[in-house]
Amino acid sequence: MENENKEVINLTDEELKEVTGGAGGFFSNKCSYFAKTSCVTRPNCEWKNGKCVDKD
């Protein structure tokens, strides 16, 4: 079945937590799915060794 709704909706971290049922869902590293430009703007993320990781 193909999704015909082409509208893009950008969610905040808090909105995403509500949709996924809370923190700690699919991604063990919350920052892992950000590109470098988004990663460096997130207060809990940092760019290390070519990928976005949680700050220690």
PDB file of N, CA and C in Angstrom:
ATOM      1  N   MET A   1       0.853  -1.181   0.000  1.00  0.00           N
ATOM      2  CA  MET A   1       0.000   0.000   0.000  1.00  0.00           C
ATOM      3  C   MET A   1       0.893   1.237   0.000  1.00  0.00           C
ATOM      4  N   GLU A   2       0.637   2.158  -0.869  1.00  0.00           N
ATOM      5  CA  GLU A   2       1.442   3.363  -0.990  1.00  0.00           C
ATOM      6  C   GLU A   2       0.777   4.514  -0.248  1.00  0.00           C
ATOM      7  N   ASN A   3       1.595   5.283   0.444  1.00  0.00           N
ATOM      8  CA  ASN A   3       1.107   6.454   1.161  1.00  0.00           C
ATOM      9  C   ASN A   3       0.970   7.608   0.178  1.00  0.00           C
ATOM     10  N   GLU A   4      -0.213   8.088  -0.025  1.00  0.00           N
ATOM     11  CA  GLU A   4      -0.441   9.172  -0.980  1.00  0.00           C
ATOM     12  C   GLU A   4      -0.314  10.549  -0.349  1.00  0.00           C
ATOM     13  N   ASN A   5      -0.170  10.620   0.966  1.00  0.00           N
ATOM     14  CA  ASN A   5      -0.003  11.889   1.657  1.00  0.00           C
ATOM     15  C   ASN A   5       1.457  12.314   1.542  1.00  0.00           C
ATOM     16  N   LYS A   6       1.739  13.325   0.741  1.00  0.00           N
ATOM     17  CA  LYS A   6       3.108  13.761   0.482  1.00  0.00           C
ATOM     18  C   LYS A   6       3.549  14.908   1.386  1.00  0.00           C
ATOM     19  N   GLU A   7       2.699  15.327   2.304  1.00  0.00           N
ATOM     20  CA  GLU A   7       3.024  16.435   3.190  1.00  0.00           C
ATOM     21  C   GLU A   7       4.123  16.029   4.165  1.00  0.00           C
ATOM     22  N   VAL A   8       5.134  16.893   4.315  1.00  0.00           N
ATOM     23  CA  VAL A   8       6.227  16.644   5.251  1.00  0.00           C
ATOM     24  C   VAL A   8       5.934  17.381   6.550  1.00  0.00           C
ATOM     25  N   ILE A   9       6.021  16.656   7.641  1.00  0.00           N
ATOM     26  CA  ILE A   9       5.788  17.255   8.951  1.00  0.00           C
ATOM     27  C   ILE A   9       7.055  17.091   9.774  1.00  0.00           C
ATOM     28  N   ASN A  10       7.617  18.205  10.223  1.00  0.00           N
ATOM     29  CA  ASN A  10       8.803  18.172  11.064  1.00  0.00           C
ATOM     30  C   ASN A  10       8.378  18.207  12.526  1.00  0.00           C
ATOM     31  N   LEU A  11       8.836  17.237  13.299  1.00  0.00           N
ATOM     32  CA  LEU A  11       8.479  17.144  14.704  1.00  0.00           C
ATOM     33  C   LEU A  11       9.643  17.567  15.586  1.00  0.00           C
ATOM     34  N   THR A  12       9.310  18.182  16.712  1.00  0.00           N
ATOM     35  CA  THR A  12      10.337  18.470  17.711  1.00  0.00           C
ATOM     36  C   THR A  12      10.661  17.181  18.441  1.00  0.00           C
ATOM     37  N   ASP A  13      11.722  17.176  19.233  1.00  0.00           N
ATOM     38  CA  ASP A  13      12.073  15.988  20.006  1.00  0.00           C
ATOM     39  C   ASP A  13      10.937  15.574  20.924  1.00  0.00           C
ATOM     40  N   GLU A  14      10.287  16.545  21.553  1.00  0.00           N
ATOM     41  CA  GLU A  14       9.190  16.240  22.476  1.00  0.00           C
ATOM     42  C   GLU A  14       8.002  15.631  21.738  1.00  0.00           C
ATOM     43  N   GLU A  15       7.680  16.177  20.554  1.00  0.00           N
ATOM     44  CA  GLU A  15       6.578  15.628  19.764  1.00  0.00           C
ATOM     45  C   GLU A  15       6.894  14.209  19.300  1.00  0.00           C
ATOM     46  N   LEU A  16       8.149  13.976  18.932  1.00  0.00           N
ATOM     47  CA  LEU A  16       8.550  12.649  18.496  1.00  0.00           C
ATOM     48  C   LEU A  16       8.433  11.640  19.633  1.00  0.00           C
ATOM     49  N   LYS A  17       8.775  12.042  20.841  1.00  0.00           N
ATOM     50  CA  LYS A  17       8.639  11.151  22.000  1.00  0.00           C
ATOM     51  C   LYS A  17       7.185  10.747  22.200  1.00  0.00           C
ATOM     52  N   GLU A  18       6.267  11.680  21.992  1.00  0.00           N
ATOM     53  CA  GLU A  18       4.850  11.368  22.133  1.00  0.00           C
ATOM     54  C   GLU A  18       4.394  10.366  21.078  1.00  0.00           C
ATOM     55  N   VAL A  19       4.867  10.519  19.850  1.00  0.00           N
ATOM     56  CA  VAL A  19       4.481   9.634  18.759  1.00  0.00           C
ATOM     57  C   VAL A  19       5.052   8.238  18.973  1.00  0.00           C
ATOM     58  N   THR A  20       6.303   8.150  19.425  1.00  0.00           N
ATOM     59  CA  THR A  20       6.962   6.856  19.578  1.00  0.00           C
ATOM     60  C   THR A  20       6.685   6.214  20.926  1.00  0.00           C
ATOM     61  N   GLY A  21       6.007   6.908  21.812  1.00  0.00           N
ATOM     62  CA  GLY A  21       5.688   6.321  23.110  1.00  0.00           C
ATOM     63  C   GLY A  21       6.727   6.577  24.165  1.00  0.00           C
ATOM     64  N   GLY A  22       7.596   7.544  23.957  1.00  0.00           N
ATOM     65  CA  GLY A  22       8.579   7.893  24.977  1.00  0.00           C
ATOM     66  C   GLY A  22       9.996   7.758  24.486  1.00  0.00           C
ATOM     67  N   ALA A  23      10.910   8.141  25.353  1.00  0.00           N
ATOM     68  CA  ALA A  23      12.329   8.090  25.006  1.00  0.00           C
ATOM     69  C   ALA A  23      12.819   6.648  25.039  1.00  0.00           C
ATOM     70  N   GLY A  24      13.951   6.414  24.388  1.00  0.00           N
ATOM     71  CA  GLY A  24      14.559   5.101  24.421  1.00  0.00           C
ATOM     72  C   GLY A  24      13.912   4.086  23.502  1.00  0.00           C
ATOM     73  N   GLY A  25      13.243   4.550  22.478  1.00  0.00           N
ATOM     74  CA  GLY A  25      12.583   3.640  21.552  1.00  0.00           C
ATOM     75  C   GLY A  25      13.560   2.934  20.642  1.00  0.00           C
ATOM     76  N   PHE A  26      13.392   3.086  19.362  1.00  0.00           N
ATOM     77  CA  PHE A  26      14.161   2.361  18.359  1.00  0.00           C
ATOM     78  C   PHE A  26      15.645   2.692  18.401  1.00  0.00           C
ATOM     79  N   PHE A  27      15.991   3.949  18.595  1.00  0.00           N
ATOM     80  CA  PHE A  27      17.388   4.367  18.565  1.00  0.00           C
ATOM     81  C   PHE A  27      17.983   4.344  19.967  1.00  0.00           C
ATOM     82  N   SER A  28      19.058   3.602  20.153  1.00  0.00           N
ATOM     83  CA  SER A  28      19.717   3.613  21.449  1.00  0.00           C
ATOM     84  C   SER A  28      20.551   4.884  21.590  1.00  0.00           C
ATOM     85  N   ASN A  29      21.063   5.399  20.486  1.00  0.00           N
ATOM     86  CA  ASN A  29      21.796   6.658  20.469  1.00  0.00           C
ATOM     87  C   ASN A  29      20.852   7.693  19.868  1.00  0.00           C
ATOM     88  N   LYS A  30      20.308   8.562  20.700  1.00  0.00           N
ATOM     89  CA  LYS A  30      19.298   9.522  20.239  1.00  0.00           C
ATOM     90  C   LYS A  30      19.820  10.448  19.156  1.00  0.00           C
ATOM     91  N   CYS A  31      21.120  10.669  19.119  1.00  0.00           N
ATOM     92  CA  CYS A  31      21.700  11.597  18.152  1.00  0.00           C
ATOM     93  C   CYS A  31      22.088  10.916  16.843  1.00  0.00           C
ATOM     94  N   SER A  32      22.056   9.612  16.786  1.00  0.00           N
ATOM     95  CA  SER A  32      22.632   8.869  15.665  1.00  0.00           C
ATOM     96  C   SER A  32      21.992   9.167  14.316  1.00  0.00           C
ATOM     97  N   TYR A  33      20.788   9.653  14.288  1.00  0.00           N
ATOM     98  CA  TYR A  33      20.118   9.863  13.009  1.00  0.00           C
ATOM     99  C   TYR A  33      20.242  11.280  12.469  1.00  0.00           C
ATOM    100  N   PHE A  34      21.029  12.139  13.121  1.00  0.00           N
ATOM    101  CA  PHE A  34      21.212  13.518  12.654  1.00  0.00           C
ATOM    102  C   PHE A  34      22.421  13.631  11.737  1.00  0.00           C
ATOM    103  N   ALA A  35      22.268  14.453  10.695  1.00  0.00           N
ATOM    104  CA  ALA A  35      23.393  14.813   9.843  1.00  0.00           C
ATOM    105  C   ALA A  35      24.253  15.823  10.607  1.00  0.00           C
ATOM    106  N   LYS A  36      25.462  16.064  10.126  1.00  0.00           N
ATOM    107  CA  LYS A  36      26.402  16.937  10.838  1.00  0.00           C
ATOM    108  C   LYS A  36      25.815  18.318  11.109  1.00  0.00           C
ATOM    109  N   THR A  37      25.142  18.896  10.125  1.00  0.00           N
ATOM    110  CA  THR A  37      24.619  20.249  10.309  1.00  0.00           C
ATOM    111  C   THR A  37      23.569  20.314  11.398  1.00  0.00           C
ATOM    112  N   SER A  38      22.756  19.279  11.541  1.00  0.00           N
ATOM    113  CA  SER A  38      21.755  19.239  12.603  1.00  0.00           C
ATOM    114  C   SER A  38      22.378  18.815  13.927  1.00  0.00           C
ATOM    115  N   CYS A  39      23.334  17.922  13.852  1.00  0.00           N
ATOM    116  CA  CYS A  39      23.976  17.387  15.055  1.00  0.00           C
ATOM    117  C   CYS A  39      24.610  18.484  15.895  1.00  0.00           C
ATOM    118  N   VAL A  40      25.364  19.351  15.250  1.00  0.00           N
ATOM    119  CA  VAL A  40      26.106  20.372  15.999  1.00  0.00           C
ATOM    120  C   VAL A  40      25.193  21.423  16.628  1.00  0.00           C
ATOM    121  N   THR A  41      23.940  21.478  16.213  1.00  0.00           N
ATOM    122  CA  THR A  41      23.004  22.439  16.807  1.00  0.00           C
ATOM    123  C   THR A  41      22.244  21.848  17.993  1.00  0.00           C
ATOM    124  N   ARG A  42      22.346  20.545  18.218  1.00  0.00           N
ATOM    125  CA  ARG A  42      21.640  19.870  19.313  1.00  0.00           C
ATOM    126  C   ARG A  42      22.488  19.921  20.585  1.00  0.00           C
ATOM    127  N   PRO A  43      21.930  20.379  21.700  1.00  0.00           N
ATOM    128  CA  PRO A  43      22.728  20.517  22.924  1.00  0.00           C
ATOM    129  C   PRO A  43      23.220  19.188  23.504  1.00  0.00           C
ATOM    130  N   ASN A  44      22.555  18.090  23.240  1.00  0.00           N
ATOM    131  CA  ASN A  44      22.959  16.799  23.804  1.00  0.00           C
ATOM    132  C   ASN A  44      23.751  15.935  22.828  1.00  0.00           C
ATOM    133  N   CYS A  45      24.080  16.500  21.661  1.00  0.00           N
ATOM    134  CA  CYS A  45      24.779  15.741  20.623  1.00  0.00           C
ATOM    135  C   CYS A  45      26.105  16.400  20.282  1.00  0.00           C
ATOM    136  N   GLU A  46      27.026  15.585  19.759  1.00  0.00           N
ATOM    137  CA  GLU A  46      28.290  16.114  19.245  1.00  0.00           C
ATOM    138  C   GLU A  46      28.747  15.278  18.066  1.00  0.00           C
ATOM    139  N   TRP A  47      29.534  15.891  17.167  1.00  0.00           N
ATOM    140  CA  TRP A  47      30.035  15.216  15.984  1.00  0.00           C
ATOM    141  C   TRP A  47      31.402  14.635  16.315  1.00  0.00           C
ATOM    142  N   LYS A  48      31.528  13.295  16.259  1.00  0.00           N
ATOM    143  CA  LYS A  48      32.788  12.607  16.569  1.00  0.00           C
ATOM    144  C   LYS A  48      33.022  11.504  15.558  1.00  0.00           C
ATOM    145  N   ASN A  49      34.243  11.434  15.059  1.00  0.00           N
ATOM    146  CA  ASN A  49      34.641  10.358  14.142  1.00  0.00           C
ATOM    147  C   ASN A  49      33.670  10.172  12.975  1.00  0.00           C
ATOM    148  N   GLY A  50      33.177  11.282  12.439  1.00  0.00           N
ATOM    149  CA  GLY A  50      32.334  11.227  11.256  1.00  0.00           C
ATOM    150  C   GLY A  50      30.887  10.836  11.509  1.00  0.00           C
ATOM    151  N   LYS A  51      30.427  10.894  12.764  1.00  0.00           N
ATOM    152  CA  LYS A  51      29.027  10.602  13.051  1.00  0.00           C
ATOM    153  C   LYS A  51      28.549  11.391  14.261  1.00  0.00           C
ATOM    154  N   CYS A  52      27.237  11.481  14.362  1.00  0.00           N
ATOM    155  CA  CYS A  52      26.612  12.216  15.461  1.00  0.00           C
ATOM    156  C   CYS A  52      26.379  11.253  16.617  1.00  0.00           C
ATOM    157  N   VAL A  53      26.868  11.631  17.810  1.00  0.00           N
ATOM    158  CA  VAL A  53      26.750  10.773  18.995  1.00  0.00           C
ATOM    159  C   VAL A  53      26.237  11.579  20.174  1.00  0.00           C
ATOM    160  N   ASP A  54      25.706  10.874  21.193  1.00  0.00           N
ATOM    161  CA  ASP A  54      25.294  11.531  22.435  1.00  0.00           C
ATOM    162  C   ASP A  54      26.527  12.082  23.145  1.00  0.00           C
ATOM    163  N   LYS A  55      26.405  13.254  23.743  1.00  0.00           N
ATOM    164  CA  LYS A  55      27.493  13.785  24.562  1.00  0.00           C
ATOM    165  C   LYS A  55      27.621  12.934  25.818  1.00  0.00           C
ATOM    166  N   ASP A  56      28.847  12.787  26.273  1.00  0.00           N
ATOM    167  CA  ASP A  56      29.095  11.995  27.499  1.00  0.00           C
ATOM    168  C   ASP A  56      28.634  12.716  28.732  1.00  0.00           C
TER     169      ASP A  56
END
